[in-house]
Amino acid sequence: MFAGLQVFDDSENILFDLTDRVGRVLGLVRINAGESGSIALPNYDSGQPFASFQRDSSTISGVVGQFVPAVPVIYVSGTVISWVSKTQYTTWLGNSIYVQPVGGWLTYGVY
């Protein structure tokens, strides 16, 4: 009997298959709003890396006045995870919008 997760496209091709291995969380890193940085992970060579950002629930949600929340952009390269937070103005529907960075937790591991 299979145990795990498989995701298929419309043509029944496998897009994602976790029936032969199990994910393992290696740690959490706190990222403050507007912070950029990186961490080196010595145990990352034991599987396919993943990283996920969960923003704080106390931060703004959705478009509030002229502010839009922005999560950090996450990069994985070898055994290093890095993230970049940007504060900027942009336009949306002809209006100037301030992109507000938000803080939260970065969960990382291997599967």
N, C-alpha and C. Protein backbone atom coordinates (compact mmCIF):
# COMPACT_ATOMS: atom_id res chain seq x y z
N MET A 1 0.84 -1.18 0.00
CA MET A 1 0.00 0.00 0.00
C MET A 1 0.89 1.24 0.00
N PHE A 2 0.58 2.20 -0.91
CA PHE A 2 1.33 3.44 -0.98
C PHE A 2 0.96 4.36 0.16
N ALA A 3 1.92 5.14 0.59
CA ALA A 3 1.68 6.20 1.56
C ALA A 3 2.49 7.40 1.09
N GLY A 4 1.89 8.54 1.03
CA GLY A 4 2.58 9.74 0.57
C GLY A 4 1.66 10.64 -0.20
N LEU A 5 2.24 11.46 -1.05
CA LEU A 5 1.48 12.45 -1.81
C LEU A 5 1.96 12.43 -3.25
N GLN A 6 1.00 12.37 -4.18
CA GLN A 6 1.30 12.52 -5.59
C GLN A 6 0.35 13.56 -6.17
N VAL A 7 0.89 14.43 -7.04
CA VAL A 7 0.11 15.45 -7.71
C VAL A 7 0.25 15.22 -9.21
N PHE A 8 -0.90 15.20 -9.92
CA PHE A 8 -0.93 14.93 -11.35
C PHE A 8 -1.47 16.13 -12.11
N ASP A 9 -1.08 16.26 -13.39
CA ASP A 9 -1.68 17.29 -14.24
C ASP A 9 -2.91 16.71 -14.94
N ASP A 10 -3.51 17.47 -15.85
CA ASP A 10 -4.72 17.03 -16.54
C ASP A 10 -4.51 15.78 -17.40
N SER A 11 -3.27 15.56 -17.83
CA SER A 11 -2.96 14.39 -18.67
C SER A 11 -2.46 13.20 -17.85
N GLU A 12 -2.61 13.27 -16.55
CA GLU A 12 -2.22 12.22 -15.60
C GLU A 12 -0.72 12.01 -15.51
N ASN A 13 0.07 13.04 -15.86
CA ASN A 13 1.51 13.00 -15.64
C ASN A 13 1.80 13.41 -14.20
N ILE A 14 2.76 12.76 -13.56
CA ILE A 14 3.10 13.11 -12.19
C ILE A 14 3.89 14.42 -12.17
N LEU A 15 3.40 15.39 -11.41
CA LEU A 15 4.09 16.66 -11.24
C LEU A 15 4.92 16.68 -9.97
N PHE A 16 4.46 15.97 -8.95
CA PHE A 16 5.09 15.99 -7.64
C PHE A 16 4.86 14.64 -7.00
N ASP A 17 5.92 14.02 -6.47
CA ASP A 17 5.81 12.67 -5.93
C ASP A 17 6.58 12.55 -4.61
N LEU A 18 5.86 12.34 -3.53
CA LEU A 18 6.49 12.15 -2.22
C LEU A 18 6.14 10.78 -1.65
N THR A 19 6.11 9.75 -2.50
CA THR A 19 5.77 8.41 -2.01
C THR A 19 7.03 7.62 -1.62
N ASP A 20 8.21 8.12 -1.99
CA ASP A 20 9.42 7.37 -1.69
C ASP A 20 10.34 8.06 -0.68
N ARG A 21 9.95 9.22 -0.18
CA ARG A 21 10.73 9.90 0.84
C ARG A 21 9.84 10.82 1.66
N VAL A 22 10.30 11.17 2.83
CA VAL A 22 9.53 12.00 3.76
C VAL A 22 10.31 13.27 4.03
N GLY A 23 9.61 14.39 4.09
CA GLY A 23 10.25 15.66 4.38
C GLY A 23 10.70 15.76 5.83
N ARG A 24 11.73 16.57 6.04
CA ARG A 24 12.25 16.77 7.39
C ARG A 24 12.56 18.24 7.58
N VAL A 25 11.99 18.85 8.59
CA VAL A 25 12.27 20.25 8.92
C VAL A 25 13.58 20.30 9.67
N LEU A 26 14.50 21.14 9.20
CA LEU A 26 15.80 21.29 9.85
C LEU A 26 15.83 22.48 10.81
N GLY A 27 14.95 23.46 10.60
CA GLY A 27 14.97 24.60 11.50
C GLY A 27 14.06 25.74 11.08
N LEU A 28 14.07 26.78 11.91
CA LEU A 28 13.30 28.00 11.69
C LEU A 28 14.23 29.19 11.87
N VAL A 29 13.99 30.24 11.09
CA VAL A 29 14.74 31.48 11.23
C VAL A 29 13.74 32.62 11.28
N ARG A 30 13.91 33.52 12.24
CA ARG A 30 13.08 34.71 12.33
C ARG A 30 13.59 35.75 11.34
N ILE A 31 12.68 36.29 10.51
CA ILE A 31 13.02 37.36 9.58
C ILE A 31 12.19 38.58 9.96
N ASN A 32 12.86 39.64 10.34
CA ASN A 32 12.16 40.87 10.70
C ASN A 32 11.79 41.64 9.43
N ALA A 33 10.77 42.45 9.52
CA ALA A 33 10.30 43.22 8.37
C ALA A 33 11.43 44.06 7.78
N GLY A 34 11.64 43.95 6.48
CA GLY A 34 12.65 44.72 5.79
C GLY A 34 14.05 44.15 5.86
N GLU A 35 14.23 43.01 6.53
CA GLU A 35 15.55 42.42 6.72
C GLU A 35 15.93 41.52 5.54
N SER A 36 17.17 41.61 5.11
CA SER A 36 17.74 40.69 4.12
C SER A 36 18.86 39.93 4.80
N GLY A 37 19.12 38.69 4.34
CA GLY A 37 20.19 37.93 4.97
C GLY A 37 20.33 36.56 4.37
N SER A 38 21.12 35.70 5.03
CA SER A 38 21.32 34.34 4.56
C SER A 38 21.79 33.47 5.71
N ILE A 39 21.64 32.15 5.52
CA ILE A 39 22.14 31.17 6.47
C ILE A 39 22.77 30.02 5.70
N ALA A 40 23.82 29.45 6.26
CA ALA A 40 24.46 28.28 5.67
C ALA A 40 23.95 27.04 6.40
N LEU A 41 23.65 26.00 5.66
CA LEU A 41 23.06 24.80 6.22
C LEU A 41 23.95 23.59 5.96
N PRO A 42 24.67 23.12 6.96
CA PRO A 42 25.60 22.02 6.73
C PRO A 42 24.92 20.69 6.42
N ASN A 43 23.67 20.47 6.83
CA ASN A 43 22.97 19.20 6.61
C ASN A 43 22.10 19.20 5.36
N TYR A 44 22.23 20.21 4.51
CA TYR A 44 21.35 20.33 3.35
C TYR A 44 21.67 19.36 2.23
N ASP A 45 22.81 18.70 2.28
CA ASP A 45 23.18 17.79 1.21
C ASP A 45 22.52 16.42 1.34
N SER A 46 21.65 16.25 2.34
CA SER A 46 21.01 14.95 2.56
C SER A 46 19.66 14.82 1.86
N GLY A 47 19.30 15.73 0.98
CA GLY A 47 18.03 15.65 0.27
C GLY A 47 17.76 16.90 -0.53
N GLN A 48 16.58 16.98 -1.13
CA GLN A 48 16.15 18.15 -1.90
C GLN A 48 15.72 19.25 -0.93
N PRO A 49 16.30 20.44 -0.99
CA PRO A 49 15.96 21.49 -0.03
C PRO A 49 14.59 22.13 -0.30
N PHE A 50 13.98 22.62 0.78
CA PHE A 50 12.78 23.45 0.65
C PHE A 50 12.85 24.57 1.68
N ALA A 51 12.14 25.65 1.41
CA ALA A 51 12.04 26.77 2.34
C ALA A 51 10.66 27.39 2.16
N SER A 52 10.07 27.82 3.27
CA SER A 52 8.73 28.40 3.24
C SER A 52 8.67 29.55 4.23
N PHE A 53 8.07 30.67 3.83
CA PHE A 53 7.93 31.84 4.70
C PHE A 53 6.48 31.97 5.16
N GLN A 54 6.29 32.13 6.47
CA GLN A 54 4.96 32.38 7.04
C GLN A 54 5.00 33.74 7.72
N ARG A 55 4.25 34.69 7.20
CA ARG A 55 4.30 36.03 7.77
C ARG A 55 3.57 36.06 9.11
N ASP A 56 3.92 37.05 9.92
CA ASP A 56 3.27 37.23 11.21
C ASP A 56 1.79 37.53 11.02
N SER A 57 0.96 36.98 11.88
CA SER A 57 -0.48 37.23 11.77
C SER A 57 -0.82 38.65 12.20
N SER A 58 0.07 39.30 12.94
CA SER A 58 -0.21 40.65 13.40
C SER A 58 0.10 41.72 12.36
N THR A 59 0.70 41.31 11.23
CA THR A 59 1.03 42.30 10.20
C THR A 59 -0.20 42.62 9.37
N ILE A 60 -0.09 43.67 8.58
CA ILE A 60 -1.23 44.09 7.77
C ILE A 60 -1.63 43.01 6.79
N SER A 61 -2.88 42.99 6.42
CA SER A 61 -3.35 42.00 5.44
C SER A 61 -4.07 42.71 4.31
N GLY A 62 -3.69 42.37 3.09
CA GLY A 62 -4.34 42.96 1.93
C GLY A 62 -3.93 44.41 1.73
N VAL A 63 -4.62 45.08 0.86
CA VAL A 63 -4.33 46.48 0.58
C VAL A 63 -5.00 47.32 1.67
N VAL A 64 -4.21 48.06 2.40
CA VAL A 64 -4.72 48.92 3.48
C VAL A 64 -4.33 50.35 3.13
N GLY A 65 -5.29 51.14 2.74
CA GLY A 65 -4.97 52.49 2.30
C GLY A 65 -4.05 52.43 1.09
N GLN A 66 -2.85 52.95 1.24
CA GLN A 66 -1.88 52.94 0.15
C GLN A 66 -0.74 51.94 0.40
N PHE A 67 -0.97 50.95 1.26
CA PHE A 67 0.09 49.98 1.60
C PHE A 67 -0.28 48.58 1.14
N VAL A 68 0.72 47.84 0.64
CA VAL A 68 0.56 46.45 0.22
C VAL A 68 1.65 45.64 0.92
N PRO A 69 1.30 44.54 1.61
CA PRO A 69 2.33 43.74 2.27
C PRO A 69 3.20 43.00 1.26
N ALA A 70 4.50 42.86 1.57
CA ALA A 70 5.43 42.16 0.68
C ALA A 70 6.28 41.20 1.49
N VAL A 71 6.23 39.92 1.14
CA VAL A 71 7.06 38.92 1.81
C VAL A 71 8.44 38.91 1.17
N PRO A 72 9.47 38.44 1.88
CA PRO A 72 10.81 38.40 1.28
C PRO A 72 10.89 37.39 0.14
N VAL A 73 11.78 37.66 -0.80
CA VAL A 73 12.07 36.73 -1.89
C VAL A 73 13.15 35.77 -1.38
N ILE A 74 12.92 34.45 -1.51
CA ILE A 74 13.81 33.45 -0.94
C ILE A 74 14.56 32.74 -2.07
N TYR A 75 15.86 32.56 -1.89
CA TYR A 75 16.71 31.87 -2.85
C TYR A 75 17.41 30.70 -2.15
N VAL A 76 17.53 29.56 -2.84
CA VAL A 76 18.29 28.42 -2.33
C VAL A 76 19.39 28.14 -3.35
N SER A 77 20.64 28.15 -2.89
CA SER A 77 21.78 27.88 -3.76
C SER A 77 22.77 27.00 -3.01
N GLY A 78 22.87 25.75 -3.42
CA GLY A 78 23.75 24.82 -2.72
C GLY A 78 23.29 24.60 -1.30
N THR A 79 24.16 24.95 -0.34
CA THR A 79 23.81 24.79 1.08
C THR A 79 23.52 26.13 1.74
N VAL A 80 23.15 27.14 0.95
CA VAL A 80 22.86 28.47 1.48
C VAL A 80 21.44 28.88 1.10
N ILE A 81 20.68 29.37 2.09
CA ILE A 81 19.37 29.98 1.86
C ILE A 81 19.54 31.47 2.10
N SER A 82 19.10 32.29 1.16
CA SER A 82 19.17 33.74 1.34
C SER A 82 17.80 34.34 1.07
N TRP A 83 17.58 35.53 1.59
CA TRP A 83 16.31 36.23 1.40
C TRP A 83 16.57 37.72 1.25
N VAL A 84 15.71 38.36 0.47
CA VAL A 84 15.81 39.78 0.20
C VAL A 84 14.44 40.40 0.42
N SER A 85 14.39 41.43 1.26
CA SER A 85 13.16 42.18 1.47
C SER A 85 13.32 43.54 0.81
N LYS A 86 12.28 43.99 0.14
CA LYS A 86 12.37 45.26 -0.57
C LYS A 86 11.25 46.18 -0.12
N THR A 87 11.59 47.43 0.06
CA THR A 87 10.63 48.50 0.32
C THR A 87 10.65 49.38 -0.91
N GLN A 88 9.50 49.59 -1.50
CA GLN A 88 9.49 50.36 -2.74
C GLN A 88 8.10 50.95 -2.99
N TYR A 89 8.07 51.87 -3.90
CA TYR A 89 6.81 52.39 -4.40
C TYR A 89 6.56 51.74 -5.75
N THR A 90 5.33 51.47 -6.04
CA THR A 90 4.97 50.91 -7.33
C THR A 90 3.63 51.52 -7.74
N THR A 91 3.15 51.22 -8.91
CA THR A 91 1.84 51.70 -9.32
C THR A 91 0.91 50.51 -9.52
N TRP A 92 -0.32 50.70 -9.16
CA TRP A 92 -1.35 49.67 -9.31
C TRP A 92 -2.65 50.38 -9.64
N LEU A 93 -3.21 50.07 -10.79
CA LEU A 93 -4.43 50.72 -11.27
C LEU A 93 -4.28 52.24 -11.31
N GLY A 94 -3.08 52.68 -11.70
CA GLY A 94 -2.85 54.11 -11.83
C GLY A 94 -2.54 54.83 -10.53
N ASN A 95 -2.49 54.11 -9.40
CA ASN A 95 -2.20 54.75 -8.11
C ASN A 95 -0.81 54.37 -7.63
N SER A 96 -0.15 55.29 -6.92
CA SER A 96 1.14 54.98 -6.30
C SER A 96 0.88 54.18 -5.04
N ILE A 97 1.53 53.03 -4.92
CA ILE A 97 1.34 52.13 -3.78
C ILE A 97 2.70 51.91 -3.12
N TYR A 98 2.75 51.98 -1.81
CA TYR A 98 3.95 51.69 -1.04
C TYR A 98 3.91 50.21 -0.66
N VAL A 99 4.94 49.45 -1.07
CA VAL A 99 5.02 48.03 -0.75
C VAL A 99 5.67 47.91 0.63
N GLN A 100 4.90 47.40 1.59
CA GLN A 100 5.33 47.32 2.98
C GLN A 100 5.88 45.93 3.30
N PRO A 101 7.19 45.80 3.60
CA PRO A 101 7.72 44.48 3.95
C PRO A 101 7.13 43.99 5.27
N VAL A 102 6.96 42.68 5.39
CA VAL A 102 6.41 42.08 6.60
C VAL A 102 7.40 41.09 7.18
N GLY A 103 7.34 40.90 8.49
CA GLY A 103 8.19 39.93 9.18
C GLY A 103 7.48 38.60 9.33
N GLY A 104 8.25 37.59 9.71
CA GLY A 104 7.67 36.28 9.93
C GLY A 104 8.76 35.24 10.15
N TRP A 105 8.41 33.98 9.89
CA TRP A 105 9.31 32.86 10.12
C TRP A 105 9.61 32.12 8.82
N LEU A 106 10.88 31.79 8.62
CA LEU A 106 11.32 30.99 7.50
C LEU A 106 11.55 29.56 8.02
N THR A 107 10.78 28.61 7.48
CA THR A 107 10.94 27.20 7.82
C THR A 107 11.75 26.56 6.69
N TYR A 108 12.76 25.76 7.04
CA TYR A 108 13.58 25.14 6.00
C TYR A 108 13.85 23.69 6.35
N GLY A 109 14.11 22.91 5.31
CA GLY A 109 14.38 21.49 5.52
C GLY A 109 14.72 20.79 4.22
N VAL A 110 14.62 19.46 4.25
CA VAL A 110 14.89 18.64 3.07
C VAL A 110 13.78 17.60 2.93
N TYR A 111 13.57 17.14 1.71
CA TYR A 111 12.65 16.02 1.48
C TYR A 111 13.27 15.06 0.52
